[in-house]
Amino acid sequence: MMYSADISTAEVVKKQVSYKWRAYISVFTSLVVIQLLAVLFSLNGTGMSSSGGMNYNIRVEYYNADMIMIFTIFWGFITALLLTTKAYREDDFAFVTNRTSGTLSTIIYLWIICSIAGFAASLSGYLLKVVVFLFTSQELLSNNGAEGAGIYVMGLVSLILTIFMFAGFGYAAGMIVQWNKMFVILLPVLFIGLLISLESAGYSMDRFFFQFLFSEQNFWLFIMKSLAVSTAAYVTAFLISNRLEVKR
C-alpha cells in the first residue's frame, strides 16, 4: 500500500534554509577575509587635521569603520549574485520543491547572513581601534562613550538593512542575467545610460539614490525606505525566478 504525505511550503523552506546554512558555510570565510582587508585599508585613516604654534604641534588622525562597512556591503552584493548561478540554484532540487520555496529560502538565508555580516562589521570597528592602539604610538581618543546603546542598535539595524538591500540588488541582477545572458552586457550599459540621463536632467546618482536613503535623518523613515527598495529588488528577483525553466 502506498501512502502520500503533503509537505507544506513552510516546512520545505525551513529545510532548504537549514541545508543552505550548512552547504554554503564558506561565505563566512570570504566575509572574514574581506573584513580583515578592510581593517588593513582603514589603518591609513579617513582624515587628518593639524594645528601648531611656536612650541607645539598637534596632529589628529581620524579612524572609523566606513571602509569595513563598504567592503561588507560589497560582499553582500557579490554573495547574492553568486547564489543565482545555475550550480547554486540546482541545489534546491535535492528537495521536493518549486521556484517559490527555493527563492523564499534563499531570501531568508540572505537575511540571516546579512545580519551576521552587519554585526561582524560593527565589531570590526572595535578591532580597528585595538589595532591602531597597539601598533601605533598615537594616543587614541574615542567618542563611543557619548553614544548610548540605543544609538548603537539603530546603527546596527541600519547597517544590516543596507547590506540586505544591496544583496537584493545582487540577487535581482543575477536572476536577470540567468533569465537572459544578454543582460551581462545590457545591465552595465543600462546603468551607465541611467547615470548619463540623470546627469543630463540635472540630477546625480548621489542626489537621486544615496541622498534619498543615506541622508535620511529619521531612523524609522530610513527603515521604511530601505525596506521598500529591498522589497522591490527581491520581488523582481522572485518574479523572474518563476520564469526560469524548471528543471525536469
Protein backbone atom coordinates (compact mmCIF):
# COMPACT_ATOMS: atom_id res chain seq x y z
CA MET A 1 0.00 0.00 0.00
CA MET A 2 1.34 3.45 -0.90
CA TYR A 3 0.98 6.49 1.28
CA SER A 4 1.23 10.12 0.29
CA ALA A 5 2.09 12.98 2.57
CA ASP A 6 1.52 16.63 1.94
CA ILE A 7 4.58 18.69 2.79
CA SER A 8 3.86 22.32 3.49
CA THR A 9 5.78 25.08 1.75
CA ALA A 10 6.90 26.41 5.12
CA GLU A 11 8.44 23.05 6.03
CA VAL A 12 10.26 22.83 2.69
CA VAL A 13 11.57 26.39 3.06
CA LYS A 14 12.78 25.61 6.58
CA LYS A 15 14.68 22.54 5.37
CA GLN A 16 16.20 24.43 2.46
CA VAL A 17 17.39 27.25 4.71
CA SER A 18 18.97 24.69 7.04
CA TYR A 19 20.64 22.98 4.08
CA LYS A 20 21.98 26.24 2.65
CA TRP A 21 23.32 27.25 6.05
CA ARG A 22 25.42 24.07 6.16
CA ALA A 23 26.30 23.86 2.46
CA TYR A 24 27.32 27.48 1.95
CA ILE A 25 29.32 27.95 5.15
CA SER A 26 32.27 29.11 3.04
CA VAL A 27 30.59 32.50 2.59
CA PHE A 28 31.75 33.34 6.12
CA THR A 29 35.35 32.62 5.18
CA SER A 30 35.11 35.22 2.42
CA LEU A 31 33.40 37.59 4.88
CA VAL A 32 36.26 37.31 7.38
CA VAL A 33 38.86 37.81 4.65
CA ILE A 34 37.18 40.87 3.17
CA GLN A 35 36.63 42.49 6.58
CA LEU A 36 40.26 41.93 7.56
CA LEU A 37 41.30 43.54 4.28
CA ALA A 38 39.01 46.46 5.08
CA VAL A 39 40.64 46.83 8.50
CA LEU A 40 44.06 46.99 6.84
CA PHE A 41 42.89 49.65 4.39
CA SER A 42 41.36 51.60 7.27
CA LEU A 43 44.72 51.86 9.05
CA ASN A 44 45.57 54.79 6.79
CA GLY A 45 42.81 56.77 8.48
CA THR A 46 39.90 58.60 6.94
CA GLY A 47 41.01 62.14 7.62
CA MET A 48 43.56 64.34 9.30
CA SER A 49 43.80 67.77 10.84
CA SER A 50 46.69 69.60 12.44
CA SER A 51 47.48 72.79 14.25
CA GLY A 52 50.55 74.21 15.87
CA GLY A 53 52.39 77.15 17.27
CA MET A 54 55.88 78.16 18.26
CA ASN A 55 56.30 75.47 20.88
CA TYR A 56 53.80 72.78 19.92
CA ASN A 57 52.37 70.83 17.02
CA ILE A 58 49.16 68.79 17.15
CA ARG A 59 48.24 66.25 14.51
CA VAL A 60 44.88 64.46 14.67
CA GLU A 61 44.07 61.46 12.51
CA TYR A 62 40.54 60.10 12.23
CA TYR A 63 39.65 56.43 12.07
CA ASN A 64 36.23 54.87 11.54
CA ALA A 65 34.66 51.69 10.23
CA ASP A 66 33.29 53.19 6.99
CA MET A 67 35.66 51.16 4.83
CA ILE A 68 34.70 47.96 6.67
CA MET A 69 31.02 48.69 6.09
CA ILE A 70 31.57 49.41 2.38
CA PHE A 71 33.50 46.17 1.91
CA THR A 72 30.79 44.24 3.78
CA ILE A 73 28.05 45.75 1.62
CA PHE A 74 30.03 44.76 -1.48
CA TRP A 75 30.38 41.23 -0.04
CA GLY A 76 26.60 41.04 0.37
CA PHE A 77 26.06 42.07 -3.25
CA ILE A 78 28.55 39.54 -4.66
CA THR A 79 27.35 36.71 -2.41
CA ALA A 80 23.73 37.19 -3.50
CA LEU A 81 24.84 37.39 -7.13
CA LEU A 82 26.67 34.06 -6.86
CA LEU A 83 23.62 32.36 -5.33
CA THR A 84 21.73 32.89 -8.59
CA THR A 85 24.17 30.85 -10.66
CA LYS A 86 22.97 27.53 -12.04
CA ALA A 87 25.11 25.41 -9.71
CA TYR A 88 23.61 27.01 -6.62
CA ARG A 89 20.05 27.06 -7.94
CA GLU A 90 20.10 23.35 -8.79
CA ASP A 91 20.94 22.55 -5.17
CA ASP A 92 17.28 23.31 -4.38
CA PHE A 93 16.20 20.27 -6.33
CA ALA A 94 17.65 17.99 -3.69
CA PHE A 95 14.23 18.61 -2.10
CA VAL A 96 10.66 18.31 -3.26
CA THR A 97 10.44 21.96 -4.20
CA ASN A 98 9.41 24.63 -6.64
CA ARG A 99 10.69 28.05 -7.63
CA THR A 100 8.65 29.74 -4.91
CA SER A 101 10.08 27.79 -1.98
CA GLY A 102 13.58 27.90 -3.48
CA THR A 103 13.53 31.68 -3.83
CA LEU A 104 11.96 32.24 -0.41
CA SER A 105 14.58 30.06 1.27
CA THR A 106 17.37 31.97 -0.46
CA ILE A 107 15.94 35.33 0.63
CA ILE A 108 15.65 34.12 4.24
CA TYR A 109 19.20 32.75 4.06
CA LEU A 110 20.44 36.09 2.74
CA TRP A 111 18.72 37.90 5.61
CA ILE A 112 20.44 35.63 8.13
CA ILE A 113 23.95 36.00 6.71
CA CYS A 114 23.49 39.75 6.14
CA SER A 115 22.51 40.12 9.80
CA ILE A 116 25.62 38.22 10.88
CA ALA A 117 27.76 40.26 8.48
CA GLY A 118 26.36 43.53 9.85
CA PHE A 119 27.06 42.50 13.42
CA ALA A 120 30.58 41.38 12.48
CA ALA A 121 31.22 44.69 10.70
CA SER A 122 30.18 46.63 13.80
CA LEU A 123 32.61 44.58 15.91
CA SER A 124 35.35 45.06 13.31
CA GLY A 125 35.21 48.76 14.10
CA TYR A 126 36.39 47.95 17.61
CA LEU A 127 39.08 45.67 16.18
CA LEU A 128 40.35 48.59 14.12
CA LYS A 129 40.69 50.73 17.24
CA VAL A 130 42.56 47.97 19.06
CA VAL A 131 45.00 47.57 16.15
CA VAL A 132 45.59 51.33 15.98
CA PHE A 133 46.16 51.44 19.73
CA LEU A 134 48.61 48.51 19.76
CA PHE A 135 50.64 49.21 16.65
CA THR A 136 50.91 53.00 16.60
CA SER A 137 52.46 55.43 19.01
CA GLN A 138 49.48 57.74 18.82
CA GLU A 139 47.19 58.45 21.73
CA LEU A 140 43.77 57.06 20.95
CA LEU A 141 40.71 59.12 21.77
CA SER A 142 37.24 57.66 21.27
CA ASN A 143 33.81 59.27 21.30
CA ASN A 144 31.99 55.96 21.86
CA GLY A 145 31.32 56.92 25.42
CA ALA A 146 28.94 59.60 24.21
CA GLU A 147 26.89 57.04 22.33
CA GLY A 148 24.21 55.14 24.17
CA ALA A 149 23.04 51.62 23.50
CA GLY A 150 20.09 52.98 21.52
CA ILE A 151 22.39 54.74 19.05
CA TYR A 152 24.44 51.57 18.60
CA VAL A 153 21.34 49.45 17.97
CA MET A 154 19.97 51.93 15.42
CA GLY A 155 23.31 51.97 13.63
CA LEU A 156 23.47 48.18 13.62
CA VAL A 157 19.91 47.82 12.29
CA SER A 158 20.60 50.41 9.59
CA LEU A 159 23.77 48.60 8.53
CA ILE A 160 22.03 45.21 8.35
CA LEU A 161 19.20 46.65 6.27
CA THR A 162 21.69 48.30 3.93
CA ILE A 163 23.65 45.06 3.40
CA PHE A 164 20.39 43.19 2.83
CA MET A 165 19.24 45.82 0.35
CA PHE A 166 22.42 45.61 -1.73
CA ALA A 167 22.22 41.82 -1.53
CA GLY A 168 18.76 42.27 -3.07
CA PHE A 169 20.29 44.27 -5.91
CA GLY A 170 22.82 41.49 -6.48
CA TYR A 171 20.14 38.80 -6.33
CA ALA A 172 17.86 40.64 -8.77
CA ALA A 173 20.75 41.36 -11.16
CA GLY A 174 21.82 37.71 -11.04
CA MET A 175 18.31 36.48 -11.76
CA ILE A 176 18.01 38.87 -14.70
CA VAL A 177 21.27 37.54 -16.13
CA GLN A 178 20.17 33.93 -15.62
CA TRP A 179 16.92 34.73 -17.43
CA ASN A 180 18.76 36.13 -20.44
CA LYS A 181 22.55 36.07 -20.78
CA MET A 182 22.43 39.19 -22.96
CA PHE A 183 21.89 41.19 -19.78
CA VAL A 184 25.52 40.55 -18.82
CA ILE A 185 26.22 43.30 -21.35
CA LEU A 186 22.91 45.14 -21.24
CA LEU A 187 22.79 45.75 -17.46
CA PRO A 188 26.06 47.75 -17.31
CA VAL A 189 25.02 49.64 -20.45
CA LEU A 190 21.60 50.45 -18.96
CA PHE A 191 23.19 51.50 -15.67
CA ILE A 192 25.65 53.84 -17.39
CA GLY A 193 22.84 55.17 -19.58
CA LEU A 194 20.78 55.90 -16.45
CA LEU A 195 23.70 57.81 -14.94
CA ILE A 196 24.11 59.89 -18.11
CA SER A 197 20.36 60.56 -18.29
CA LEU A 198 20.24 61.70 -14.68
CA GLU A 199 23.23 63.99 -15.20
CA SER A 200 21.59 65.46 -18.30
CA ALA A 201 18.41 66.13 -16.31
CA GLY A 202 20.39 67.93 -13.62
CA TYR A 203 20.42 65.04 -11.15
CA SER A 204 23.24 62.88 -9.93
CA MET A 205 23.16 59.34 -8.63
CA ASP A 206 24.24 60.76 -5.28
CA ARG A 207 21.18 63.03 -5.15
CA PHE A 208 18.80 60.56 -6.80
CA PHE A 209 19.60 57.49 -4.71
CA PHE A 210 22.16 57.90 -1.95
CA GLN A 211 20.73 61.11 -0.54
CA PHE A 212 17.25 59.63 -0.76
CA LEU A 213 18.31 56.84 1.60
CA PHE A 214 21.51 57.60 3.43
CA SER A 215 20.91 61.27 4.16
CA GLU A 216 17.66 60.42 5.89
CA GLN A 217 17.78 61.72 9.47
CA ASN A 218 14.65 59.97 10.70
CA PHE A 219 15.51 56.40 11.69
CA TRP A 220 12.02 54.98 11.14
CA LEU A 221 11.66 56.70 7.78
CA PHE A 222 15.01 55.24 6.74
CA ILE A 223 13.76 51.77 7.69
CA MET A 224 10.63 52.21 5.59
CA LYS A 225 12.61 53.49 2.61
CA SER A 226 15.22 50.72 2.77
CA LEU A 227 12.55 48.03 3.20
CA ALA A 228 10.61 49.43 0.26
CA VAL A 229 13.68 49.37 -2.00
CA SER A 230 14.67 45.89 -0.76
CA THR A 231 11.15 44.59 -1.36
CA ALA A 232 11.20 45.92 -4.92
CA ALA A 233 14.53 44.18 -5.58
CA TYR A 234 13.50 40.83 -4.10
CA VAL A 235 10.06 40.87 -5.74
CA THR A 236 11.78 41.49 -9.08
CA ALA A 237 14.06 38.51 -8.44
CA PHE A 238 11.10 36.39 -7.35
CA LEU A 239 9.06 37.18 -10.47
CA ILE A 240 11.99 36.48 -12.77
CA SER A 241 12.80 33.21 -10.99
CA ASN A 242 9.31 31.97 -11.80
CA ARG A 243 10.02 32.48 -15.48
CA LEU A 244 13.19 30.43 -15.44
CA GLU A 245 13.00 26.97 -16.93
CA VAL A 246 12.11 24.44 -14.25
CA LYS A 247 14.49 21.53 -14.08
CA ARG A 248 12.85 18.30 -15.07
